[in-house]
Structure formats: C-alpha cells, structure tokens
PDB file of N, CA and C in Angstrom:
ATOM      1  N   UNK A   1       0.861  -1.164   0.000  1.00  0.00           N
ATOM      2  CA  UNK A   1       0.000   0.000   0.000  1.00  0.00           C
ATOM      3  C   UNK A   1       0.914   1.235   0.000  1.00  0.00           C
ATOM      4  N   UNK A   2       0.605   2.234  -0.807  1.00  0.00           N
ATOM      5  CA  UNK A   2       1.449   3.433  -0.846  1.00  0.00           C
ATOM      6  C   UNK A   2       1.349   4.246   0.442  1.00  0.00           C
ATOM      7  N   UNK A   3       2.382   5.019   0.728  1.00  0.00           N
ATOM      8  CA  UNK A   3       2.380   5.880   1.915  1.00  0.00           C
ATOM      9  C   UNK A   3       1.209   6.854   1.833  1.00  0.00           C
ATOM     10  N   UNK A   4       0.615   7.145   2.997  1.00  0.00           N
ATOM     11  CA  UNK A   4      -0.487   8.101   3.032  1.00  0.00           C
ATOM     12  C   UNK A   4      -1.330   7.935   4.279  1.00  0.00           C
ATOM     13  N   UNK A   5      -2.380   8.745   4.360  1.00  0.00           N
ATOM     14  CA  UNK A   5      -3.312   8.716   5.484  1.00  0.00           C
ATOM     15  C   UNK A   5      -4.413   7.709   5.197  1.00  0.00           C
ATOM     16  N   UNK A   6      -4.665   6.827   6.176  1.00  0.00           N
ATOM     17  CA  UNK A   6      -5.693   5.799   6.042  1.00  0.00           C
ATOM     18  C   UNK A   6      -6.463   5.720   7.355  1.00  0.00           C
ATOM     19  N   UNK A   7      -7.633   5.066   7.313  1.00  0.00           N
ATOM     20  CA  UNK A   7      -8.407   4.861   8.537  1.00  0.00           C
ATOM     21  C   UNK A   7      -7.515   4.196   9.583  1.00  0.00           C
ATOM     22  N   UNK A   8      -7.546   4.731  10.797  1.00  0.00           N
ATOM     23  CA  UNK A   8      -6.703   4.210  11.882  1.00  0.00           C
ATOM     24  C   UNK A   8      -7.139   2.792  12.234  1.00  0.00           C
ATOM     25  N   UNK A   9      -6.265   1.796  12.048  1.00  0.00           N
ATOM     26  CA  UNK A   9      -6.658   0.417  12.349  1.00  0.00           C
ATOM     27  C   UNK A   9      -6.972   0.182  13.826  1.00  0.00           C
ATOM     28  N   UNK A  10      -6.448   1.030  14.715  1.00  0.00           N
ATOM     29  CA  UNK A  10      -6.739   0.867  16.143  1.00  0.00           C
ATOM     30  C   UNK A  10      -8.119   1.413  16.494  1.00  0.00           C
ATOM     31  N   UNK A  11      -8.665   2.279  15.612  1.00  0.00           N
ATOM     32  CA  UNK A  11      -9.974   2.871  15.876  1.00  0.00           C
ATOM     33  C   UNK A  11      -9.939   4.030  16.849  1.00  0.00           C
ATOM     34  N   UNK A  12      -8.755   4.400  17.329  1.00  0.00           N
ATOM     35  CA  UNK A  12      -8.656   5.480  18.311  1.00  0.00           C
ATOM     36  C   UNK A  12      -8.746   6.858  17.672  1.00  0.00           C
ATOM     37  N   UNK A  13      -8.342   6.960  16.412  1.00  0.00           N
ATOM     38  CA  UNK A  13      -8.365   8.224  15.679  1.00  0.00           C
ATOM     39  C   UNK A  13      -9.021   7.991  14.327  1.00  0.00           C
ATOM     40  N   UNK A  14      -9.360   9.069  13.625  1.00  0.00           N
ATOM     41  CA  UNK A  14      -9.945   8.921  12.296  1.00  0.00           C
ATOM     42  C   UNK A  14      -8.930   8.358  11.315  1.00  0.00           C
ATOM     43  N   UNK A  15      -7.720   8.944  11.326  1.00  0.00           N
ATOM     44  CA  UNK A  15      -6.699   8.569  10.353  1.00  0.00           C
ATOM     45  C   UNK A  15      -5.368   8.309  11.037  1.00  0.00           C
ATOM     46  N   UNK A  16      -4.578   7.449  10.423  1.00  0.00           N
ATOM     47  CA  UNK A  16      -3.207   7.194  10.880  1.00  0.00           C
ATOM     48  C   UNK A  16      -2.338   7.119   9.636  1.00  0.00           C
ATOM     49  N   UNK A  17      -1.094   7.633   9.741  1.00  0.00           N
ATOM     50  CA  UNK A  17      -0.214   7.675   8.579  1.00  0.00           C
ATOM     51  C   UNK A  17       0.530   6.361   8.402  1.00  0.00           C
ATOM     52  N   UNK A  18       0.452   5.818   7.201  1.00  0.00           N
ATOM     53  CA  UNK A  18       1.175   4.611   6.799  1.00  0.00           C
ATOM     54  C   UNK A  18       2.368   5.066   5.979  1.00  0.00           C
ATOM     55  N   UNK A  19       3.595   4.668   6.346  1.00  0.00           N
ATOM     56  CA  UNK A  19       4.800   5.144   5.654  1.00  0.00           C
ATOM     57  C   UNK A  19       5.257   4.204   4.538  1.00  0.00           C
ATOM     58  N   UNK A  20       4.373   3.345   4.082  1.00  0.00           N
ATOM     59  CA  UNK A  20       4.616   2.343   3.044  1.00  0.00           C
ATOM     60  C   UNK A  20       5.309   1.103   3.595  1.00  0.00           C
ATOM     61  N   UNK A  21       5.649   1.117   4.889  1.00  0.00           N
ATOM     62  CA  UNK A  21       6.251  -0.042   5.532  1.00  0.00           C
ATOM     63  C   UNK A  21       5.511  -0.417   6.810  1.00  0.00           C
ATOM     64  N   UNK A  22       5.108   0.609   7.585  1.00  0.00           N
ATOM     65  CA  UNK A  22       4.463   0.370   8.879  1.00  0.00           C
ATOM     66  C   UNK A  22       3.597   1.566   9.252  1.00  0.00           C
ATOM     67  N   UNK A  23       2.682   1.340  10.188  1.00  0.00           N
ATOM     68  CA  UNK A  23       1.886   2.438  10.730  1.00  0.00           C
ATOM     69  C   UNK A  23       2.789   3.306  11.588  1.00  0.00           C
ATOM     70  N   UNK A  24       2.600   4.613  11.528  1.00  0.00           N
ATOM     71  CA  UNK A  24       3.430   5.529  12.302  1.00  0.00           C
ATOM     72  C   UNK A  24       2.654   6.055  13.506  1.00  0.00           C
ATOM     73  N   UNK A  25       3.322   6.899  14.312  1.00  0.00           N
ATOM     74  CA  UNK A  25       2.672   7.524  15.464  1.00  0.00           C
ATOM     75  C   UNK A  25       1.855   8.744  15.065  1.00  0.00           C
ATOM     76  N   UNK A  26       1.879   9.123  13.792  1.00  0.00           N
ATOM     77  CA  UNK A  26       1.162  10.311  13.322  1.00  0.00           C
ATOM     78  C   UNK A  26      -0.300   9.967  13.071  1.00  0.00           C
ATOM     79  N   UNK A  27      -1.187  10.692  13.762  1.00  0.00           N
ATOM     80  CA  UNK A  27      -2.619  10.443  13.668  1.00  0.00           C
ATOM     81  C   UNK A  27      -3.356  11.756  13.444  1.00  0.00           C
ATOM     82  N   UNK A  28      -4.618  11.647  13.036  1.00  0.00           N
ATOM     83  CA  UNK A  28      -5.420  12.829  12.767  1.00  0.00           C
ATOM     84  C   UNK A  28      -6.853  12.582  13.212  1.00  0.00           C
ATOM     85  N   UNK A  29      -7.467  13.638  13.764  1.00  0.00           N
ATOM     86  CA  UNK A  29      -8.876  13.594  14.161  1.00  0.00           C
ATOM     87  C   UNK A  29      -9.450  14.979  13.917  1.00  0.00           C
ATOM     88  N   UNK A  30     -10.565  15.058  13.223  1.00  0.00           N
ATOM     89  CA  UNK A  30     -11.254  16.323  12.944  1.00  0.00           C
ATOM     90  C   UNK A  30     -10.318  17.343  12.293  1.00  0.00           C
ATOM     91  N   UNK A  31      -9.442  16.872  11.410  1.00  0.00           N
ATOM     92  CA  UNK A  31      -8.555  17.766  10.681  1.00  0.00           C
ATOM     93  C   UNK A  31      -7.332  18.237  11.437  1.00  0.00           C
ATOM     94  N   UNK A  32      -7.156  17.790  12.685  1.00  0.00           N
ATOM     95  CA  UNK A  32      -5.984  18.182  13.472  1.00  0.00           C
ATOM     96  C   UNK A  32      -5.054  16.986  13.610  1.00  0.00           C
ATOM     97  N   UNK A  33      -3.753  17.249  13.515  1.00  0.00           N
ATOM     98  CA  UNK A  33      -2.772  16.176  13.628  1.00  0.00           C
ATOM     99  C   UNK A  33      -2.227  16.080  15.048  1.00  0.00           C
ATOM    100  N   UNK A  34      -1.977  14.854  15.476  1.00  0.00           N
ATOM    101  CA  UNK A  34      -1.454  14.553  16.806  1.00  0.00           C
ATOM    102  C   UNK A  34      -0.373  13.493  16.677  1.00  0.00           C
ATOM    103  N   UNK A  35       0.296  13.222  17.788  1.00  0.00           N
ATOM    104  CA  UNK A  35       1.234  12.114  17.875  1.00  0.00           C
ATOM    105  C   UNK A  35       0.682  11.133  18.891  1.00  0.00           C
ATOM    106  N   UNK A  36       0.590   9.885  18.500  1.00  0.00           N
ATOM    107  CA  UNK A  36       0.093   8.826  19.378  1.00  0.00           C
ATOM    108  C   UNK A  36       1.191   7.773  19.489  1.00  0.00           C
ATOM    109  N   UNK A  37       2.120   7.954  20.456  1.00  0.00           N
ATOM    110  CA  UNK A  37       3.248   7.024  20.575  1.00  0.00           C
ATOM    111  C   UNK A  37       2.777   5.598  20.846  1.00  0.00           C
ATOM    112  N   UNK A  38       3.509   4.628  20.335  1.00  0.00           N
ATOM    113  CA  UNK A  38       3.156   3.229  20.615  1.00  0.00           C
ATOM    114  C   UNK A  38       3.191   2.948  22.114  1.00  0.00           C
ATOM    115  N   UNK A  39       2.299   2.099  22.568  1.00  0.00           N
ATOM    116  CA  UNK A  39       2.257   1.716  23.981  1.00  0.00           C
ATOM    117  C   UNK A  39       3.240   0.571  24.189  1.00  0.00           C
ATOM    118  N   UNK A  40       4.127   0.739  25.167  1.00  0.00           N
ATOM    119  CA  UNK A  40       5.149  -0.296  25.422  1.00  0.00           C
ATOM    120  C   UNK A  40       4.575  -1.426  26.248  1.00  0.00           C
TER     121      UNK A  40
END
C-alpha cells in the first residue's frame, strides 16, 4: 500500500499515517494532527 493517510486500524483516531512499511505515530482527528506514541 502506498504511503499516506488511512483509517486508523486501532480505531482510536480517524486517520493514521502509513509510511509504506508500517503504521506511524502520526494520527489525525477532525482535521488536526497529533502524535500517538506506541504503547510499550
């Protein structure tokens, strides 16, 4: 899948950025961008 914004697979946010290799910590909700660090 090409890099870009897609529906957040966790369901916590509207969108999450896919870097063409893995899901990143970059998320978006209502047009605003946030960082959602992975939970250890």
